[in-house]
N, C-alpha and C. Protein backbone atom coordinates (compact mmCIF):
# COMPACT_ATOMS: atom_id res chain seq x y z
N MET A 1 109.89 102.44 100.99
CA MET A 1 108.67 102.34 100.23
C MET A 1 107.74 103.43 100.72
N SER A 2 107.23 104.14 99.82
CA SER A 2 106.33 105.22 100.19
C SER A 2 104.94 104.67 100.45
N THR A 3 104.26 105.34 101.35
CA THR A 3 102.89 104.96 101.65
C THR A 3 101.89 105.75 100.84
N GLY A 4 102.35 106.58 99.94
CA GLY A 4 101.46 107.39 99.12
C GLY A 4 101.25 108.77 99.68
N THR A 5 101.74 109.02 100.88
CA THR A 5 101.59 110.35 101.47
C THR A 5 102.82 111.20 101.27
N THR A 6 103.89 110.63 100.75
CA THR A 6 105.12 111.37 100.51
C THR A 6 105.03 112.10 99.18
N ARG A 7 105.25 113.38 99.22
CA ARG A 7 105.21 114.20 98.00
C ARG A 7 106.60 114.71 97.69
N ALA A 8 106.89 114.90 96.42
CA ALA A 8 108.19 115.43 96.01
C ALA A 8 108.36 116.82 96.60
N PRO A 9 109.55 117.12 97.14
CA PRO A 9 109.75 118.42 97.78
C PRO A 9 109.88 119.54 96.74
N LEU A 10 109.55 120.74 97.18
CA LEU A 10 109.78 121.92 96.36
C LEU A 10 111.24 122.32 96.57
N LEU A 11 112.03 122.25 95.52
CA LEU A 11 113.45 122.55 95.64
C LEU A 11 113.70 124.03 95.39
N PRO A 12 114.59 124.63 96.15
CA PRO A 12 114.86 126.06 95.98
C PRO A 12 115.61 126.32 94.67
N TYR A 13 115.41 127.50 94.11
CA TYR A 13 116.13 127.89 92.91
C TYR A 13 117.60 128.14 93.25
N ALA A 14 118.48 127.75 92.37
CA ALA A 14 119.92 127.89 92.61
C ALA A 14 120.36 129.34 92.42
N PRO A 15 121.27 129.79 93.26
CA PRO A 15 121.83 131.13 93.07
C PRO A 15 122.80 131.12 91.88
N VAL A 16 123.13 132.29 91.40
CA VAL A 16 124.05 132.40 90.26
C VAL A 16 125.44 131.91 90.67
N GLN A 17 125.89 132.30 91.84
CA GLN A 17 127.19 131.90 92.34
C GLN A 17 127.02 130.74 93.33
N TYR A 18 128.10 129.95 93.49
CA TYR A 18 128.07 128.88 94.48
C TYR A 18 127.81 129.48 95.86
N ASP A 19 126.91 128.82 96.61
CA ASP A 19 126.56 129.29 97.95
C ASP A 19 126.44 128.06 98.84
N ARG A 20 127.32 127.95 99.83
CA ARG A 20 127.34 126.78 100.69
C ARG A 20 126.01 126.60 101.42
N GLN A 21 125.41 127.67 101.91
CA GLN A 21 124.15 127.56 102.63
C GLN A 21 123.06 126.98 101.72
N TYR A 22 123.03 127.40 100.46
CA TYR A 22 122.08 126.85 99.50
C TYR A 22 122.30 125.35 99.33
N MET A 23 123.55 124.94 99.15
CA MET A 23 123.86 123.52 98.95
C MET A 23 123.49 122.70 100.18
N ASP A 24 123.78 123.22 101.38
CA ASP A 24 123.42 122.52 102.61
C ASP A 24 121.90 122.38 102.72
N THR A 25 121.18 123.44 102.40
CA THR A 25 119.72 123.40 102.44
C THR A 25 119.17 122.39 101.44
N LEU A 26 119.68 122.42 100.23
CA LEU A 26 119.24 121.48 99.19
C LEU A 26 119.51 120.04 99.62
N ASN A 27 120.70 119.77 100.12
CA ASN A 27 121.03 118.41 100.57
C ASN A 27 120.13 117.96 101.71
N ASN A 28 119.83 118.85 102.64
CA ASN A 28 118.95 118.48 103.75
C ASN A 28 117.54 118.17 103.27
N ILE A 29 117.04 118.94 102.32
CA ILE A 29 115.71 118.69 101.76
C ILE A 29 115.69 117.33 101.07
N LEU A 30 116.69 117.05 100.25
CA LEU A 30 116.76 115.77 99.54
C LEU A 30 116.95 114.61 100.51
N ARG A 31 117.78 114.78 101.52
CA ARG A 31 118.02 113.73 102.51
C ARG A 31 116.71 113.37 103.22
N GLN A 32 115.95 114.38 103.63
CA GLN A 32 114.67 114.14 104.30
C GLN A 32 113.69 113.43 103.37
N TYR A 33 113.65 113.84 102.12
CA TYR A 33 112.75 113.21 101.14
C TYR A 33 113.10 111.73 100.95
N PHE A 34 114.37 111.42 100.78
CA PHE A 34 114.78 110.03 100.58
C PHE A 34 114.54 109.19 101.84
N GLN A 35 114.68 109.78 103.02
CA GLN A 35 114.37 109.05 104.24
C GLN A 35 112.89 108.70 104.31
N GLN A 36 112.04 109.61 103.86
CA GLN A 36 110.61 109.34 103.84
C GLN A 36 110.28 108.22 102.86
N LEU A 37 110.96 108.21 101.71
CA LEU A 37 110.73 107.14 100.73
C LEU A 37 111.22 105.80 101.25
N ASP A 38 112.34 105.81 101.98
CA ASP A 38 112.91 104.57 102.49
C ASP A 38 112.15 104.01 103.68
N ASN A 39 111.36 104.83 104.36
CA ASN A 39 110.62 104.39 105.52
C ASN A 39 109.47 103.50 105.07
N ALA A 40 109.51 102.26 105.49
CA ALA A 40 108.46 101.32 105.08
C ALA A 40 107.12 101.62 105.73
N GLY A 41 107.12 102.41 106.76
CA GLY A 41 105.88 102.72 107.45
C GLY A 41 105.33 101.52 108.19
N PRO A 42 104.03 101.48 108.42
CA PRO A 42 103.45 100.43 109.24
C PRO A 42 103.09 99.17 108.47
N SER A 43 103.71 98.91 107.34
CA SER A 43 103.42 97.70 106.59
C SER A 43 104.67 96.84 106.48
N ALA A 44 104.48 95.56 106.37
CA ALA A 44 105.59 94.64 106.21
C ALA A 44 105.13 93.46 105.37
N ALA A 45 106.04 92.87 104.64
CA ALA A 45 105.71 91.70 103.83
C ALA A 45 106.82 90.68 103.97
N SER A 46 106.45 89.41 103.88
CA SER A 46 107.47 88.37 103.96
C SER A 46 107.06 87.21 103.06
N THR A 47 108.04 86.49 102.60
CA THR A 47 107.82 85.31 101.78
C THR A 47 108.68 84.18 102.32
N GLN A 48 108.10 83.01 102.46
CA GLN A 48 108.84 81.84 102.91
C GLN A 48 108.61 80.71 101.93
N PHE A 49 109.64 79.91 101.71
CA PHE A 49 109.54 78.75 100.84
C PHE A 49 109.39 77.51 101.71
N LEU A 50 108.28 76.79 101.55
CA LEU A 50 108.11 75.53 102.28
C LEU A 50 108.96 74.44 101.65
N ASN A 51 109.00 74.45 100.33
CA ASN A 51 109.82 73.50 99.57
C ASN A 51 110.04 74.13 98.20
N ALA A 52 110.40 73.34 97.22
CA ALA A 52 110.74 73.89 95.91
C ALA A 52 109.55 74.50 95.18
N THR A 53 108.32 74.10 95.55
CA THR A 53 107.15 74.58 94.81
C THR A 53 106.15 75.36 95.65
N ASP A 54 106.16 75.20 96.96
CA ASP A 54 105.16 75.86 97.81
C ASP A 54 105.74 77.11 98.46
N ILE A 55 105.02 78.21 98.30
CA ILE A 55 105.45 79.50 98.83
C ILE A 55 104.36 80.05 99.74
N ILE A 56 104.76 80.59 100.87
CA ILE A 56 103.83 81.27 101.77
C ILE A 56 104.20 82.75 101.75
N SER A 57 103.24 83.61 101.49
CA SER A 57 103.46 85.05 101.53
C SER A 57 102.49 85.66 102.52
N ALA A 58 102.94 86.70 103.19
CA ALA A 58 102.08 87.36 104.17
C ALA A 58 102.36 88.86 104.15
N MET A 59 101.34 89.63 104.45
CA MET A 59 101.49 91.07 104.59
C MET A 59 100.85 91.47 105.91
N ASN A 60 101.46 92.43 106.58
CA ASN A 60 100.98 92.89 107.87
C ASN A 60 100.79 94.41 107.79
N PHE A 61 99.61 94.87 108.10
CA PHE A 61 99.30 96.30 108.06
C PHE A 61 98.79 96.77 109.43
N SER A 62 99.52 96.42 110.46
CA SER A 62 99.09 96.83 111.79
C SER A 62 100.24 97.49 112.53
N THR A 63 99.88 98.28 113.51
CA THR A 63 100.85 98.92 114.40
C THR A 63 100.43 98.61 115.82
N VAL A 64 101.32 98.88 116.75
CA VAL A 64 101.01 98.67 118.16
C VAL A 64 100.62 100.01 118.77
N ASP A 65 99.46 100.05 119.40
CA ASP A 65 99.02 101.24 120.12
C ASP A 65 99.90 101.37 121.37
N ARG A 66 100.64 102.46 121.47
CA ARG A 66 101.58 102.62 122.58
C ARG A 66 100.89 102.68 123.93
N ALA A 67 99.68 103.21 123.98
CA ALA A 67 98.98 103.34 125.26
C ALA A 67 98.46 102.00 125.76
N THR A 68 97.91 101.18 124.85
CA THR A 68 97.26 99.94 125.26
C THR A 68 98.06 98.69 124.93
N GLY A 69 98.99 98.79 123.97
CA GLY A 69 99.74 97.61 123.53
C GLY A 69 98.97 96.75 122.55
N ALA A 70 97.75 97.16 122.19
CA ALA A 70 96.92 96.39 121.26
C ALA A 70 97.38 96.63 119.83
N ARG A 71 97.16 95.64 118.96
CA ARG A 71 97.45 95.77 117.54
C ARG A 71 96.32 96.56 116.89
N VAL A 72 96.66 97.53 116.05
CA VAL A 72 95.68 98.37 115.38
C VAL A 72 95.94 98.31 113.88
N VAL A 73 94.90 98.00 113.10
CA VAL A 73 95.04 97.95 111.65
C VAL A 73 95.29 99.35 111.12
N SER A 74 96.31 99.49 110.29
CA SER A 74 96.69 100.82 109.82
C SER A 74 96.34 101.09 108.36
N LEU A 75 95.55 100.22 107.76
CA LEU A 75 95.14 100.46 106.38
C LEU A 75 94.13 101.61 106.31
N PRO A 76 94.17 102.38 105.23
CA PRO A 76 93.12 103.38 105.04
C PRO A 76 91.78 102.68 104.82
N THR A 77 90.71 103.42 104.98
CA THR A 77 89.37 102.86 104.79
C THR A 77 88.75 103.46 103.53
N GLN A 78 87.52 103.03 103.24
CA GLN A 78 86.82 103.55 102.06
C GLN A 78 86.62 105.05 102.16
N ALA A 79 86.66 105.60 103.36
CA ALA A 79 86.53 107.06 103.52
C ALA A 79 87.72 107.79 102.90
N ASP A 80 88.86 107.10 102.77
CA ASP A 80 90.07 107.69 102.19
C ASP A 80 90.20 107.42 100.69
N LEU A 81 89.22 106.77 100.11
CA LEU A 81 89.31 106.30 98.72
C LEU A 81 89.70 107.39 97.74
N ALA A 82 89.19 108.59 97.89
CA ALA A 82 89.49 109.67 96.95
C ALA A 82 90.97 110.05 96.97
N ASN A 83 91.65 109.81 98.09
CA ASN A 83 93.06 110.18 98.21
C ASN A 83 94.01 109.05 97.87
N LEU A 84 93.48 107.86 97.59
CA LEU A 84 94.33 106.71 97.29
C LEU A 84 94.69 106.66 95.81
N ARG A 85 95.81 106.00 95.53
CA ARG A 85 96.24 105.79 94.14
C ARG A 85 95.70 104.46 93.64
N VAL A 86 95.60 104.29 92.35
CA VAL A 86 95.21 103.01 91.77
C VAL A 86 96.22 101.97 92.22
N GLY A 87 95.72 100.84 92.73
CA GLY A 87 96.59 99.78 93.21
C GLY A 87 96.78 99.78 94.72
N ASP A 88 96.36 100.86 95.41
CA ASP A 88 96.48 100.92 96.86
C ASP A 88 95.44 100.02 97.52
N LEU A 89 95.82 99.40 98.63
CA LEU A 89 94.90 98.58 99.42
C LEU A 89 94.15 99.48 100.40
N TYR A 90 92.91 99.10 100.69
CA TYR A 90 92.15 99.79 101.72
C TYR A 90 91.19 98.81 102.37
N ARG A 91 90.72 99.15 103.56
CA ARG A 91 89.81 98.31 104.32
C ARG A 91 88.42 98.89 104.20
N ASP A 92 87.50 98.12 103.62
CA ASP A 92 86.12 98.58 103.44
C ASP A 92 85.32 98.22 104.68
N THR A 93 85.16 99.19 105.58
CA THR A 93 84.45 98.94 106.84
C THR A 93 82.95 98.79 106.63
N SER A 94 82.44 99.23 105.48
CA SER A 94 81.00 99.08 105.21
C SER A 94 80.68 97.69 104.67
N ALA A 95 81.71 96.91 104.37
CA ALA A 95 81.49 95.56 103.84
C ALA A 95 82.16 94.52 104.72
N GLY A 96 82.14 94.74 106.03
CA GLY A 96 82.69 93.75 106.95
C GLY A 96 84.20 93.75 107.02
N ASN A 97 84.83 94.90 106.83
CA ASN A 97 86.29 95.03 106.90
C ASN A 97 87.02 94.19 105.85
N VAL A 98 86.45 94.09 104.68
CA VAL A 98 87.08 93.37 103.57
C VAL A 98 88.21 94.21 103.01
N ILE A 99 89.36 93.59 102.72
CA ILE A 99 90.48 94.29 102.10
C ILE A 99 90.18 94.39 100.60
N LYS A 100 90.30 95.62 100.07
CA LYS A 100 90.05 95.85 98.64
C LYS A 100 91.22 96.61 98.04
N ILE A 101 91.26 96.61 96.72
CA ILE A 101 92.29 97.32 95.96
C ILE A 101 91.60 98.36 95.10
N LYS A 102 92.10 99.60 95.17
CA LYS A 102 91.53 100.66 94.33
C LYS A 102 91.92 100.39 92.88
N VAL A 103 90.92 100.40 92.01
CA VAL A 103 91.19 100.19 90.58
C VAL A 103 90.81 101.43 89.80
């Protein structure tokens, strides 16, 4: 799942004749791009069924600070609003750290 920071790669133009180095380069570019898309990043979601009708869902947007071991919220803030896509979540620090969705 992309976090919105992954951009489609610029692919090289193909040579007229088959060229192994070109193919290797192209495959490496595509492999790296797909790995970035597959990387869930610092977010996780889970759903649990309590019974046939009750569902619990949770989302986690935190990472562990390697230096301190503390949990750090990794959501963008309202300062990043111009760079977010419609539907992205962000933390509005000017409104008491309320989670909002860009519309």
